[in-house]
Amino acid sequence: MRTAAIAVLATAALNAHAQPTFQGLGDFPGGGFYSDAWRVSNDGRAVAGAGEPASGLTAQRWTATDALVRLGTLPGFEDSSFATGLSATGRAVCGYSSGAGGTEAFRWTADSGMTGLGDLPGAPHASAANYIAADGATVVGTGNQDYNAGAMEAFRWTEATGIVGLGHARQNHDWSEAWCCSADGAIVAGLSMQNFVGGEAFLWTQANGMTGLGDVVGGEDFSVAVDMTPDGAVLTGTCAPDAGYEAFRWTQATGMTPLGDLPGGGHYSTGIGVTDDGNTIVGLADWDGGFGASNAFIWDPANGMRNLQTVLETEHDLDLTGWHLLYAYDISGDGRYICGQGINPAGDYEAWLVDLGACPADFNGDGAVNTLDVLTFLNAWNDGC
């Protein structure tokens, strides 16, 4: 009976496959047509960003079952809101809400709704959450945002500690921003600088505090870390070599390695999302400073930086006629799902989601679908896991 079951399952596995898909995520009724997608859950079933109903820009969460859902605003900060981060399961979101009272960071969950996180001491009242840990328990961002005075401090929030400032990478710095954290929230990375001049990517831990990571040789003295792998071992963001601004990949062993740019446009690229193994990075390139003047890219060690839309059309047989993919903001841990924003065939800015169609039948993850996957599954079943 076991042999027969293996034969049946093997035949099914050999025939199993999932086709790549691309979809625009739409927008809310009323207002101008605008939607954005900043983060995607690991299973691709949830996306966080913003949309534009008649009342103004509003934080949103898209799911495969409910489509776009407005997350609302905080009391006293009711003009607009924006979702910037999403937990691995998609059940926790972070962002910020703005109004007459200033701006305040929030954390939203499917169970408790939107909760304000407060702000660091000082005026004006202005905080923004930029990233939420994979487990949804830690939020990082920026607080005490006084743009006129050129002051800002990175923060880390947990329910136990509340909002805590992380300081700056150097004594003369007066501005820091936390842009990402590890899966457990123990490692934080972002940007530290002085009076809007230069800037340096940082890495923060409880034990060592904030440590500047420097920049590459040449060009402007500038770097910023935007995303990291779950263990914090690989970072991506922007650095400034002689040619301009370029996305980078950083590890403790290699330091900061520029990834280049796509041909055309201004020489500017930035890495925004990275897979769990640190070997695939997505972001934007060719940016010339204008809104809607860029191209989404995908990078891996074997192929270097490539235009994501071209890759989707030529290697995954997706029909993107009329679309222009501007930004790739996030990629799931296994590299299957990518989200971002583009200009749709009607000329509107719209959030999008790609499913590269990794086959669920590839149970052992070796890229092939065969009897080894069935045996791996049955062994796991027998072991009770």
Protein backbone atom coordinates (compact mmCIF):
# COMPACT_ATOMS: atom_id res chain seq x y z
CA MET A 1 0.00 0.00 0.00
CA ARG A 2 2.89 2.36 0.85
CA THR A 3 4.52 1.63 -2.53
CA ALA A 4 1.25 2.28 -4.34
CA ALA A 5 0.80 5.55 -2.47
CA ILE A 6 4.30 6.66 -3.44
CA ALA A 7 3.61 5.85 -7.08
CA VAL A 8 0.36 7.80 -7.10
CA LEU A 9 1.86 10.79 -5.31
CA ALA A 10 4.94 10.76 -7.53
CA THR A 11 2.77 10.85 -10.64
CA ALA A 12 0.78 13.75 -9.20
CA ALA A 13 3.97 15.56 -8.26
CA LEU A 14 5.44 15.21 -11.73
CA ASN A 15 2.32 16.81 -13.14
CA ALA A 16 2.09 19.52 -10.48
CA HIS A 17 3.16 23.04 -11.29
CA ALA A 18 2.11 26.59 -10.58
CA GLN A 19 2.08 29.23 -13.28
CA PRO A 20 3.57 32.68 -12.57
CA THR A 21 0.92 35.38 -12.15
CA PHE A 22 0.87 39.19 -12.09
CA GLN A 23 -1.99 41.29 -10.76
CA GLY A 24 -2.73 44.91 -10.07
CA LEU A 25 -4.22 45.31 -6.61
CA GLY A 26 -6.68 48.07 -7.51
CA ASP A 27 -7.69 51.11 -5.45
CA PHE A 28 -10.52 52.34 -3.23
CA PRO A 29 -13.60 53.97 -4.77
CA GLY A 30 -13.59 57.78 -4.86
CA GLY A 31 -10.66 60.19 -4.92
CA GLY A 32 -7.84 59.87 -7.38
CA PHE A 33 -6.67 56.44 -8.49
CA TYR A 34 -3.58 55.63 -6.45
CA SER A 35 -2.34 52.59 -4.54
CA ASP A 36 1.02 51.41 -3.29
CA ALA A 37 2.41 48.11 -1.95
CA TRP A 38 5.32 48.28 0.49
CA ARG A 39 5.52 44.83 2.04
CA VAL A 40 4.30 41.31 1.28
CA SER A 41 3.78 38.42 3.71
CA ASN A 42 5.85 35.27 3.29
CA ASP A 43 2.91 33.33 1.88
CA GLY A 44 1.96 36.11 -0.55
CA ARG A 45 -1.57 36.32 0.84
CA ALA A 46 -1.24 39.79 2.39
CA VAL A 47 0.25 43.10 1.22
CA ALA A 48 0.54 46.40 3.13
CA GLY A 49 0.61 49.90 1.63
CA ALA A 50 -1.75 52.78 0.97
CA GLY A 51 -4.64 53.77 -1.27
CA GLU A 52 -6.57 56.92 -2.04
CA PRO A 53 -10.29 56.98 -1.30
CA ALA A 54 -12.20 60.26 -1.34
CA SER A 55 -10.99 61.10 2.17
CA GLY A 56 -7.26 61.08 1.32
CA LEU A 57 -4.34 58.66 1.48
CA THR A 58 -5.21 55.74 3.75
CA ALA A 59 -3.25 52.78 5.10
CA GLN A 60 -4.41 49.58 3.49
CA ARG A 61 -3.98 45.84 3.78
CA TRP A 62 -4.70 43.66 0.77
CA THR A 63 -5.45 39.97 1.18
CA ALA A 64 -6.25 37.29 -1.32
CA THR A 65 -9.68 36.79 0.25
CA ASP A 66 -10.78 40.34 1.12
CA ALA A 67 -8.88 42.45 -1.47
CA LEU A 68 -8.18 46.03 -0.24
CA VAL A 69 -9.22 46.88 3.32
CA ARG A 70 -8.79 50.32 4.89
CA LEU A 71 -6.99 50.23 8.25
CA GLY A 72 -8.23 53.64 9.36
CA THR A 73 -6.41 56.42 11.24
CA LEU A 74 -5.46 57.24 14.82
CA PRO A 75 -7.61 59.63 16.92
CA GLY A 76 -6.16 63.13 16.60
CA PHE A 77 -4.21 62.08 13.50
CA GLU A 78 -7.10 61.57 11.13
CA ASP A 79 -6.08 63.28 7.87
CA SER A 80 -4.19 60.36 6.36
CA SER A 81 -2.32 57.16 7.16
CA PHE A 82 0.24 54.95 5.47
CA ALA A 83 1.20 51.30 6.08
CA THR A 84 4.94 50.65 5.76
CA GLY A 85 5.56 47.25 7.34
CA LEU A 86 4.02 43.78 7.53
CA SER A 87 4.76 40.76 9.71
CA ALA A 88 5.70 37.44 8.14
CA THR A 89 2.16 36.09 8.52
CA GLY A 90 0.53 39.34 7.38
CA ARG A 91 -1.51 39.70 10.59
CA ALA A 92 0.42 42.70 11.98
CA VAL A 93 1.04 46.01 10.19
CA CYS A 94 2.95 49.16 11.11
CA GLY A 95 2.98 52.68 9.68
CA TYR A 96 2.01 56.21 10.63
CA SER A 97 -1.08 58.41 10.85
CA SER A 98 -1.08 62.19 10.32
CA GLY A 99 -3.38 65.06 11.24
CA ALA A 100 -3.65 68.33 13.12
CA GLY A 101 -1.89 66.76 16.10
CA GLY A 102 1.20 65.90 14.03
CA THR A 103 2.22 62.39 13.05
CA GLU A 104 2.24 59.21 15.12
CA ALA A 105 3.52 55.71 14.51
CA PHE A 106 1.02 52.88 14.75
CA ARG A 107 0.82 49.12 15.02
CA TRP A 108 -2.25 47.35 13.65
CA THR A 109 -3.29 43.76 14.14
CA ALA A 110 -6.23 41.81 12.84
CA ASP A 111 -7.35 41.24 16.44
CA SER A 112 -6.86 44.64 18.09
CA GLY A 113 -6.99 47.14 15.21
CA MET A 114 -4.78 50.28 15.14
CA THR A 115 -2.82 51.35 18.23
CA GLY A 116 -0.71 54.51 18.51
CA LEU A 117 2.89 54.02 19.67
CA GLY A 118 3.48 57.55 20.94
CA ASP A 119 6.63 59.55 20.29
CA LEU A 120 10.04 60.25 21.79
CA PRO A 121 10.37 63.22 24.20
CA GLY A 122 10.60 66.63 22.56
CA ALA A 123 8.57 68.61 20.06
CA PRO A 124 6.89 68.51 17.65
CA HIS A 125 4.88 65.31 18.10
CA ALA A 126 6.04 63.40 15.04
CA SER A 127 6.86 59.69 14.82
CA ALA A 128 6.67 57.16 12.00
CA ALA A 129 7.02 53.37 12.02
CA ASN A 130 9.02 52.05 9.08
CA TYR A 131 9.28 48.30 9.72
CA ILE A 132 7.78 45.55 11.85
CA ALA A 133 9.62 42.37 12.83
CA ALA A 134 8.61 39.04 11.32
CA ASP A 135 6.92 38.00 14.57
CA GLY A 136 5.02 41.31 14.74
CA ALA A 137 6.25 42.09 18.26
CA THR A 138 8.87 44.78 17.50
CA VAL A 139 8.42 48.00 15.53
CA VAL A 140 11.21 50.36 14.46
CA GLY A 141 11.10 53.83 12.94
CA THR A 142 11.84 57.48 13.64
CA GLY A 143 10.65 59.86 16.34
CA ASN A 144 10.91 63.51 17.44
CA GLN A 145 10.92 64.52 13.80
CA ASP A 146 11.74 68.22 13.79
CA TYR A 147 12.63 68.91 10.16
CA ASN A 148 13.14 72.62 10.79
CA ALA A 149 15.74 71.93 13.47
CA GLY A 150 17.19 68.98 11.55
CA ALA A 151 16.57 66.59 14.44
CA MET A 152 15.31 63.02 14.41
CA GLU A 153 16.08 59.84 16.35
CA ALA A 154 15.64 56.20 15.46
CA PHE A 155 13.41 54.23 17.82
CA ARG A 156 12.57 50.65 18.70
CA TRP A 157 9.19 49.73 20.20
CA THR A 158 7.95 46.64 21.99
CA GLU A 159 4.88 46.27 24.16
CA ALA A 160 7.12 45.74 27.19
CA THR A 161 9.44 48.72 26.69
CA GLY A 162 7.30 51.18 24.76
CA ILE A 163 9.08 53.53 22.36
CA VAL A 164 12.83 53.79 23.07
CA GLY A 165 15.33 56.03 21.27
CA LEU A 166 18.41 54.34 19.81
CA GLY A 167 20.68 57.38 19.64
CA HIS A 168 23.05 58.13 16.76
CA ALA A 169 26.02 56.42 15.16
CA ARG A 170 28.46 59.29 15.89
CA GLN A 171 28.66 61.97 18.56
CA ASN A 172 28.21 64.83 16.09
CA HIS A 173 25.15 63.26 14.44
CA ASP A 174 21.72 64.73 15.18
CA TRP A 175 19.57 62.64 12.84
CA SER A 176 18.90 58.90 12.75
CA GLU A 177 16.23 56.72 11.17
CA ALA A 178 15.53 53.02 11.76
CA TRP A 179 14.45 51.33 8.53
CA CYS A 180 14.53 47.61 9.26
CA CYS A 181 15.13 44.95 11.92
CA SER A 182 15.83 41.25 12.25
CA ALA A 183 13.06 38.66 12.55
CA ASP A 184 13.15 38.83 16.35
CA GLY A 185 13.69 42.60 16.49
CA ALA A 186 17.06 42.28 18.24
CA ILE A 187 19.06 43.86 15.39
CA VAL A 188 18.12 47.22 13.85
CA ALA A 189 19.57 49.07 10.84
CA GLY A 190 19.02 52.39 9.13
CA LEU A 191 20.64 55.83 8.64
CA SER A 192 22.52 58.27 10.88
CA MET A 193 23.79 61.71 9.82
CA GLN A 194 24.44 65.32 10.80
CA ASN A 195 22.33 68.30 9.71
CA PHE A 196 21.18 66.67 6.46
CA VAL A 197 24.84 66.27 5.35
CA GLY A 198 26.15 62.93 4.15
CA GLY A 199 24.79 59.98 6.04
CA GLU A 200 25.91 56.57 7.19
CA ALA A 201 24.20 53.20 7.40
CA PHE A 202 24.14 51.79 10.93
CA LEU A 203 23.65 48.51 12.72
CA TRP A 204 22.23 48.51 16.28
CA THR A 205 22.15 45.80 18.93
CA GLN A 206 21.37 46.02 22.63
CA ALA A 207 24.90 44.96 23.48
CA ASN A 208 26.82 47.29 21.16
CA GLY A 209 24.44 50.17 20.60
CA MET A 210 24.55 51.92 17.22
CA THR A 211 27.58 51.24 15.00
CA GLY A 212 28.22 53.09 11.74
CA LEU A 213 28.96 50.91 8.70
CA GLY A 214 30.74 53.59 6.67
CA ASP A 215 30.44 53.90 2.90
CA VAL A 216 32.20 52.66 -0.22
CA VAL A 217 35.30 54.45 -1.49
CA GLY A 218 34.64 57.48 -3.72
CA GLY A 219 31.64 59.67 -4.38
CA GLU A 220 29.55 61.33 -1.71
CA ASP A 221 29.85 60.21 1.91
CA PHE A 222 26.46 58.50 2.10
CA SER A 223 24.91 55.11 2.82
CA VAL A 224 21.61 53.90 4.26
CA ALA A 225 20.43 50.38 5.17
CA VAL A 226 16.83 49.66 4.15
CA ASP A 227 16.26 45.91 4.61
CA MET A 228 17.99 42.87 6.13
CA THR A 229 17.77 39.10 6.25
CA PRO A 230 15.94 37.57 9.25
CA ASP A 231 19.24 36.96 11.07
CA GLY A 232 20.62 40.41 10.27
CA ALA A 233 23.63 38.94 8.45
CA VAL A 234 22.92 40.58 5.07
CA LEU A 235 21.82 44.19 4.54
CA THR A 236 20.72 46.07 1.44
CA GLY A 237 20.17 49.77 0.79
CA THR A 238 21.97 52.63 -0.98
CA CYS A 239 25.61 53.73 -1.09
CA ALA A 240 27.49 56.39 -3.06
CA PRO A 241 30.40 55.27 -5.25
CA ASP A 242 31.97 57.63 -7.82
CA ALA A 243 29.35 56.92 -10.48
CA GLY A 244 26.38 58.06 -8.39
CA TYR A 245 24.08 56.24 -5.96
CA GLU A 246 23.86 52.46 -6.09
CA ALA A 247 22.11 49.63 -4.31
CA PHE A 248 24.42 47.62 -2.08
CA ARG A 249 24.72 44.22 -0.43
CA TRP A 250 26.52 44.17 2.93
CA THR A 251 27.86 41.35 5.08
CA GLN A 252 30.32 41.46 7.97
CA ALA A 253 32.85 39.56 5.85
CA THR A 254 32.60 41.52 2.59
CA GLY A 255 31.54 44.94 3.81
CA MET A 256 29.48 47.12 1.46
CA THR A 257 29.41 45.94 -2.17
CA PRO A 258 27.77 48.25 -4.78
CA LEU A 259 25.41 46.44 -7.16
CA GLY A 260 25.45 48.93 -10.07
CA ASP A 261 22.49 50.44 -11.91
CA LEU A 262 20.37 49.74 -14.97
CA PRO A 263 21.23 51.48 -18.28
CA GLY A 264 19.50 54.81 -18.92
CA GLY A 265 18.00 57.43 -16.62
CA GLY A 266 19.90 58.89 -13.72
CA HIS A 267 22.61 56.80 -12.08
CA TYR A 268 20.60 55.88 -8.99
CA SER A 269 19.54 52.51 -7.61
CA THR A 270 18.54 51.38 -4.14
CA GLY A 271 17.93 47.95 -2.66
CA ILE A 272 14.64 47.77 -0.74
CA GLY A 273 13.84 44.07 -0.25
CA VAL A 274 16.01 40.97 0.26
CA THR A 275 15.24 37.25 0.50
CA ASP A 276 15.96 35.19 3.62
CA ASP A 277 19.19 33.77 2.16
CA GLY A 278 20.42 37.23 1.15
CA ASN A 279 20.96 36.23 -2.48
CA THR A 280 18.08 38.01 -4.20
CA ILE A 281 17.50 41.75 -3.86
CA VAL A 282 14.78 43.94 -5.38
CA GLY A 283 14.42 47.70 -5.56
CA LEU A 284 14.38 50.62 -7.97
CA ALA A 285 16.93 51.83 -10.52
CA ASP A 286 17.32 54.52 -13.20
CA TRP A 287 15.76 57.07 -10.87
CA ASP A 288 16.34 60.63 -12.06
CA GLY A 289 14.65 62.42 -9.17
CA GLY A 290 11.17 62.61 -10.67
CA PHE A 291 8.03 60.83 -9.48
CA GLY A 292 7.45 57.84 -11.71
CA ALA A 293 10.90 58.03 -13.33
CA SER A 294 12.46 54.69 -12.40
CA ASN A 295 12.44 50.97 -13.16
CA ALA A 296 12.01 48.05 -10.77
CA PHE A 297 15.04 45.75 -10.62
CA ILE A 298 15.94 42.28 -9.40
CA TRP A 299 19.49 41.24 -8.51
CA ASP A 300 21.19 37.95 -7.78
CA PRO A 301 24.89 36.94 -7.77
CA ALA A 302 24.66 34.93 -10.99
CA ASN A 303 22.86 37.51 -13.15
CA GLY A 304 23.63 40.83 -11.50
CA MET A 305 21.08 43.65 -11.71
CA ARG A 306 18.31 43.22 -14.27
CA ASN A 307 15.13 45.04 -15.19
CA LEU A 308 12.41 43.15 -13.31
CA GLN A 309 9.74 43.76 -15.92
CA THR A 310 11.98 42.34 -18.66
CA VAL A 311 12.70 39.27 -16.53
CA LEU A 312 9.00 38.69 -15.85
CA GLU A 313 8.11 39.01 -19.52
CA THR A 314 10.96 37.00 -21.04
CA GLU A 315 11.68 34.34 -18.41
CA HIS A 316 8.27 33.89 -16.79
CA ASP A 317 6.05 34.52 -19.85
CA LEU A 318 3.95 37.18 -18.13
CA ASP A 319 2.01 39.64 -20.28
CA LEU A 320 2.62 43.13 -18.84
CA THR A 321 1.45 45.07 -21.89
CA GLY A 322 0.73 48.67 -20.93
CA TRP A 323 2.40 48.41 -17.52
CA HIS A 324 5.57 50.16 -16.35
CA LEU A 325 6.92 48.65 -13.13
CA LEU A 326 8.45 51.57 -11.25
CA TYR A 327 9.40 50.15 -7.87
CA ALA A 328 9.88 46.68 -6.43
CA TYR A 329 9.49 47.28 -2.69
CA ASP A 330 9.58 43.80 -1.20
CA ILE A 331 10.23 40.14 -1.91
CA SER A 332 9.08 37.21 0.22
CA GLY A 333 11.62 35.20 2.17
CA ASP A 334 11.68 32.39 -0.38
CA GLY A 335 11.70 34.75 -3.38
CA ARG A 336 8.35 33.61 -4.72
CA TYR A 337 6.36 36.86 -4.21
CA ILE A 338 7.34 40.42 -5.16
CA CYS A 339 5.27 43.55 -4.65
CA GLY A 340 5.62 47.19 -5.64
CA GLN A 341 4.08 50.02 -7.59
CA GLY A 342 3.78 50.75 -11.29
CA ILE A 343 1.91 52.76 -13.86
CA ASN A 344 -0.98 50.66 -15.14
CA PRO A 345 -2.35 50.63 -18.72
CA ALA A 346 -4.74 53.47 -17.83
CA GLY A 347 -1.85 55.68 -16.74
CA ASP A 348 -2.60 55.44 -13.00
CA TYR A 349 -0.24 54.55 -10.15
CA GLU A 350 -1.24 51.11 -8.91
CA ALA A 351 0.11 48.54 -6.47
CA TRP A 352 1.01 45.16 -7.97
CA LEU A 353 1.87 41.65 -6.82
CA VAL A 354 3.83 38.95 -8.64
CA ASP A 355 3.71 35.25 -7.84
CA LEU A 356 6.63 33.54 -9.57
CA GLY A 357 4.84 30.24 -9.21
CA ALA A 358 7.20 28.09 -7.18
CA CYS A 359 5.68 24.64 -7.17
CA PRO A 360 4.25 23.45 -3.83
CA ALA A 361 5.10 19.87 -4.89
CA ASP A 362 8.83 20.70 -4.71
CA PHE A 363 8.75 19.58 -1.09
CA ASN A 364 12.51 19.35 -0.57
CA GLY A 365 13.17 22.68 -2.33
CA ASP A 366 15.76 21.39 -4.81
CA GLY A 367 14.09 22.96 -7.86
CA ALA A 368 12.89 19.62 -9.28
CA VAL A 369 9.61 17.79 -8.81
CA ASN A 370 10.16 14.05 -8.52
CA THR A 371 9.87 11.03 -6.20
CA LEU A 372 12.44 12.55 -3.82
CA ASP A 373 9.82 15.15 -2.87
CA VAL A 374 7.33 12.41 -2.08
CA LEU A 375 9.85 10.49 0.02
CA THR A 376 10.82 13.67 1.88
CA PHE A 377 7.16 14.35 2.62
CA LEU A 378 6.49 10.79 3.81
CA ASN A 379 9.59 10.82 6.02
CA ALA A 380 8.44 14.08 7.58
CA TRP A 381 4.99 12.59 8.09
CA ASN A 382 6.43 9.49 9.75
CA ASP A 383 8.56 11.70 12.02
CA GLY A 384 5.46 13.61 13.04
CA CYS A 385 6.56 17.02 11.74
